[in-house]
Amino acid sequence: MIYLAHEIRGSEPHSPAKQAANMSRALLAASLLREKYPDKAFYVPAEHDDFPQQCLRMGLLSVDDVLSVDLSILKQCEELWVLLPCSGFFALGGGVAGEVEFAACNRIPTWFIALEELQ
């Protein structure tokens, strides 16, 4: 399985609108990747984000807790593909940076892709 890392909250300032746009972008990328690579299985955090986001709002989980779970899923994956931020700059932050670092430490091959490459 391939783990697709992507922005969720994005760079500061965080906002619900920015988060919704990031999630939509990740879902679009996942759809395009599945069309382009129908023989590959992808894990996409955006497809499973309702539960952790509700837990965050209720104070049951922290952002670090969610990242810890994501890293446990990543550890089971064969590759990490990173959807570059929409800013076009190679500036990864937050959870994505943590996922890239974790992959490097665990020798998980990592690839970087831009949404524009998929369209």
C-alpha atoms as a PDB file:
ATOM      1  CA  MET A   1       0.000   0.000   0.000  1.00  0.00           C
ATOM      2  CA  ILE A   2       1.092   3.586  -0.670  1.00  0.00           C
ATOM      3  CA  TYR A   3       0.514   6.294   1.938  1.00  0.00           C
ATOM      4  CA  LEU A   4      -0.425   9.647   0.402  1.00  0.00           C
ATOM      5  CA  ALA A   5       0.697  12.434   2.727  1.00  0.00           C
ATOM      6  CA  HIS A   6      -1.060  15.771   2.276  1.00  0.00           C
ATOM      7  CA  GLU A   7      -1.843  18.998   4.073  1.00  0.00           C
ATOM      8  CA  ILE A   8      -4.875  18.996   6.322  1.00  0.00           C
ATOM      9  CA  ARG A   9      -4.801  22.224   8.307  1.00  0.00           C
ATOM     10  CA  GLY A  10      -2.099  23.756   6.098  1.00  0.00           C
ATOM     11  CA  SER A  11       0.115  26.672   6.995  1.00  0.00           C
ATOM     12  CA  GLU A  12      -0.943  29.247   9.559  1.00  0.00           C
ATOM     13  CA  PRO A  13      -3.296  30.917   9.946  1.00  0.00           C
ATOM     14  CA  HIS A  14      -5.467  27.819  10.090  1.00  0.00           C
ATOM     15  CA  SER A  15      -9.106  28.131   9.091  1.00  0.00           C
ATOM     16  CA  PRO A  16     -12.020  25.812   8.364  1.00  0.00           C
ATOM     17  CA  ALA A  17     -12.078  27.059   4.761  1.00  0.00           C
ATOM     18  CA  LYS A  18      -8.383  26.313   4.251  1.00  0.00           C
ATOM     19  CA  GLN A  19      -8.793  22.876   5.794  1.00  0.00           C
ATOM     20  CA  ALA A  20     -11.782  22.101   3.548  1.00  0.00           C
ATOM     21  CA  ALA A  21      -9.807  23.203   0.472  1.00  0.00           C
ATOM     22  CA  ASN A  22      -6.824  21.045   1.501  1.00  0.00           C
ATOM     23  CA  MET A  23      -9.070  18.035   2.015  1.00  0.00           C
ATOM     24  CA  SER A  24     -10.789  18.511  -1.348  1.00  0.00           C
ATOM     25  CA  ARG A  25      -7.408  18.821  -3.027  1.00  0.00           C
ATOM     26  CA  ALA A  26      -6.172  15.610  -1.398  1.00  0.00           C
ATOM     27  CA  LEU A  27      -9.321  13.752  -2.434  1.00  0.00           C
ATOM     28  CA  LEU A  28      -8.906  14.966  -6.009  1.00  0.00           C
ATOM     29  CA  ALA A  29      -5.266  13.834  -6.017  1.00  0.00           C
ATOM     30  CA  ALA A  30      -6.292  10.424  -4.663  1.00  0.00           C
ATOM     31  CA  SER A  31      -8.895  10.038  -7.386  1.00  0.00           C
ATOM     32  CA  LEU A  32      -6.408  10.988 -10.094  1.00  0.00           C
ATOM     33  CA  LEU A  33      -3.761   8.657  -8.677  1.00  0.00           C
ATOM     34  CA  ARG A  34      -6.183   5.739  -8.626  1.00  0.00           C
ATOM     35  CA  GLU A  35      -7.085   6.426 -12.254  1.00  0.00           C
ATOM     36  CA  LYS A  36      -3.427   6.650 -13.240  1.00  0.00           C
ATOM     37  CA  TYR A  37      -2.294   3.665 -11.130  1.00  0.00           C
ATOM     38  CA  PRO A  38      -5.284   1.298 -10.895  1.00  0.00           C
ATOM     39  CA  ASP A  39      -3.065  -1.579  -9.743  1.00  0.00           C
ATOM     40  CA  LYS A  40      -1.886   0.283  -6.629  1.00  0.00           C
ATOM     41  CA  ALA A  41      -3.646   0.658  -3.275  1.00  0.00           C
ATOM     42  CA  PHE A  42      -3.523   4.047  -1.572  1.00  0.00           C
ATOM     43  CA  TYR A  43      -4.146   5.096   2.022  1.00  0.00           C
ATOM     44  CA  VAL A  44      -5.301   8.723   2.043  1.00  0.00           C
ATOM     45  CA  PRO A  45      -5.798  10.414   5.432  1.00  0.00           C
ATOM     46  CA  ALA A  46      -8.435  12.768   3.946  1.00  0.00           C
ATOM     47  CA  GLU A  47     -10.679   9.773   3.329  1.00  0.00           C
ATOM     48  CA  HIS A  48     -10.673   8.923   7.033  1.00  0.00           C
ATOM     49  CA  ASP A  49     -10.531  12.342   8.662  1.00  0.00           C
ATOM     50  CA  ASP A  50     -14.034  12.809  10.078  1.00  0.00           C
ATOM     51  CA  PHE A  51     -13.351  10.769  13.210  1.00  0.00           C
ATOM     52  CA  PRO A  52     -10.017  12.319  14.241  1.00  0.00           C
ATOM     53  CA  GLN A  53     -11.281  15.838  13.512  1.00  0.00           C
ATOM     54  CA  GLN A  54     -14.316  15.291  15.735  1.00  0.00           C
ATOM     55  CA  CYS A  55     -12.033  13.901  18.463  1.00  0.00           C
ATOM     56  CA  LEU A  56      -9.801  16.977  18.158  1.00  0.00           C
ATOM     57  CA  ARG A  57     -12.805  19.310  18.504  1.00  0.00           C
ATOM     58  CA  MET A  58     -13.986  17.393  21.579  1.00  0.00           C
ATOM     59  CA  GLY A  59     -10.517  17.460  23.157  1.00  0.00           C
ATOM     60  CA  LEU A  60     -10.239  13.671  23.134  1.00  0.00           C
ATOM     61  CA  LEU A  61      -7.132  13.679  20.934  1.00  0.00           C
ATOM     62  CA  SER A  62      -4.310  16.104  20.228  1.00  0.00           C
ATOM     63  CA  VAL A  63      -2.714  16.793  16.845  1.00  0.00           C
ATOM     64  CA  ASP A  64       0.277  14.737  18.059  1.00  0.00           C
ATOM     65  CA  ASP A  65      -2.056  11.828  18.897  1.00  0.00           C
ATOM     66  CA  VAL A  66      -3.480  11.871  15.371  1.00  0.00           C
ATOM     67  CA  LEU A  67       0.015  12.009  13.867  1.00  0.00           C
ATOM     68  CA  SER A  68       1.053   9.041  16.007  1.00  0.00           C
ATOM     69  CA  VAL A  69      -1.803   6.980  14.585  1.00  0.00           C
ATOM     70  CA  ASP A  70      -0.974   8.126  11.054  1.00  0.00           C
ATOM     71  CA  LEU A  71       2.654   7.067  11.547  1.00  0.00           C
ATOM     72  CA  SER A  72       1.567   3.620  12.728  1.00  0.00           C
ATOM     73  CA  ILE A  73      -0.378   3.277   9.459  1.00  0.00           C
ATOM     74  CA  LEU A  74       2.568   4.618   7.435  1.00  0.00           C
ATOM     75  CA  LYS A  75       4.845   2.013   9.020  1.00  0.00           C
ATOM     76  CA  GLN A  76       2.721  -0.681   7.361  1.00  0.00           C
ATOM     77  CA  CYS A  77       3.041   0.922   3.909  1.00  0.00           C
ATOM     78  CA  GLU A  78       5.570   0.181   1.194  1.00  0.00           C
ATOM     79  CA  GLU A  79       5.990   3.776   0.011  1.00  0.00           C
ATOM     80  CA  LEU A  80       5.185   7.358   0.961  1.00  0.00           C
ATOM     81  CA  TRP A  81       3.965   9.704  -1.750  1.00  0.00           C
ATOM     82  CA  VAL A  82       3.817  13.349  -0.692  1.00  0.00           C
ATOM     83  CA  LEU A  83       1.359  15.740  -2.311  1.00  0.00           C
ATOM     84  CA  LEU A  84       3.233  19.025  -2.446  1.00  0.00           C
ATOM     85  CA  PRO A  85       1.493  22.051  -0.912  1.00  0.00           C
ATOM     86  CA  CYS A  86      -0.662  24.138  -3.228  1.00  0.00           C
ATOM     87  CA  SER A  87       1.625  27.115  -2.626  1.00  0.00           C
ATOM     88  CA  GLY A  88       4.025  25.538  -5.095  1.00  0.00           C
ATOM     89  CA  PHE A  89       6.851  25.896  -2.613  1.00  0.00           C
ATOM     90  CA  PHE A  90       8.690  22.905  -1.263  1.00  0.00           C
ATOM     91  CA  ALA A  91       7.968  23.863   2.325  1.00  0.00           C
ATOM     92  CA  LEU A  92       6.495  20.963   4.228  1.00  0.00           C
ATOM     93  CA  GLY A  93       5.234  21.557   7.700  1.00  0.00           C
ATOM     94  CA  GLY A  94       3.214  19.964  10.438  1.00  0.00           C
ATOM     95  CA  GLY A  95       2.169  16.379  10.027  1.00  0.00           C
ATOM     96  CA  VAL A  96       3.531  16.027   6.503  1.00  0.00           C
ATOM     97  CA  ALA A  97       7.027  16.944   7.676  1.00  0.00           C
ATOM     98  CA  GLY A  98       6.674  14.385  10.464  1.00  0.00           C
ATOM     99  CA  GLU A  99       5.564  11.723   7.991  1.00  0.00           C
ATOM    100  CA  VAL A 100       8.534  12.448   5.697  1.00  0.00           C
ATOM    101  CA  GLU A 101      10.965  12.295   8.613  1.00  0.00           C
ATOM    102  CA  PHE A 102       9.418   9.046   9.858  1.00  0.00           C
ATOM    103  CA  ALA A 103       9.672   7.505   6.377  1.00  0.00           C
ATOM    104  CA  ALA A 104      13.337   8.503   6.122  1.00  0.00           C
ATOM    105  CA  CYS A 105      14.125   7.009   9.535  1.00  0.00           C
ATOM    106  CA  ASN A 106      12.293   3.795   8.622  1.00  0.00           C
ATOM    107  CA  ARG A 107      13.711   3.537   5.101  1.00  0.00           C
ATOM    108  CA  ILE A 108      10.334   3.876   3.434  1.00  0.00           C
ATOM    109  CA  PRO A 109      10.842   5.094  -0.138  1.00  0.00           C
ATOM    110  CA  THR A 110       9.424   8.603  -0.533  1.00  0.00           C
ATOM    111  CA  TRP A 111       8.250  10.380  -3.673  1.00  0.00           C
ATOM    112  CA  PHE A 112       7.019  13.942  -4.104  1.00  0.00           C
ATOM    113  CA  ILE A 113       4.225  14.820  -6.509  1.00  0.00           C
ATOM    114  CA  ALA A 114       2.405  17.977  -7.509  1.00  0.00           C
ATOM    115  CA  LEU A 115      -1.309  17.952  -8.235  1.00  0.00           C
ATOM    116  CA  GLU A 116      -0.601  19.594 -11.589  1.00  0.00           C
ATOM    117  CA  GLU A 117       1.423  16.537 -12.635  1.00  0.00           C
ATOM    118  CA  LEU A 118      -1.651  14.360 -12.222  1.00  0.00           C
ATOM    119  CA  GLN A 119      -4.109  16.484 -14.176  1.00  0.00           C
END
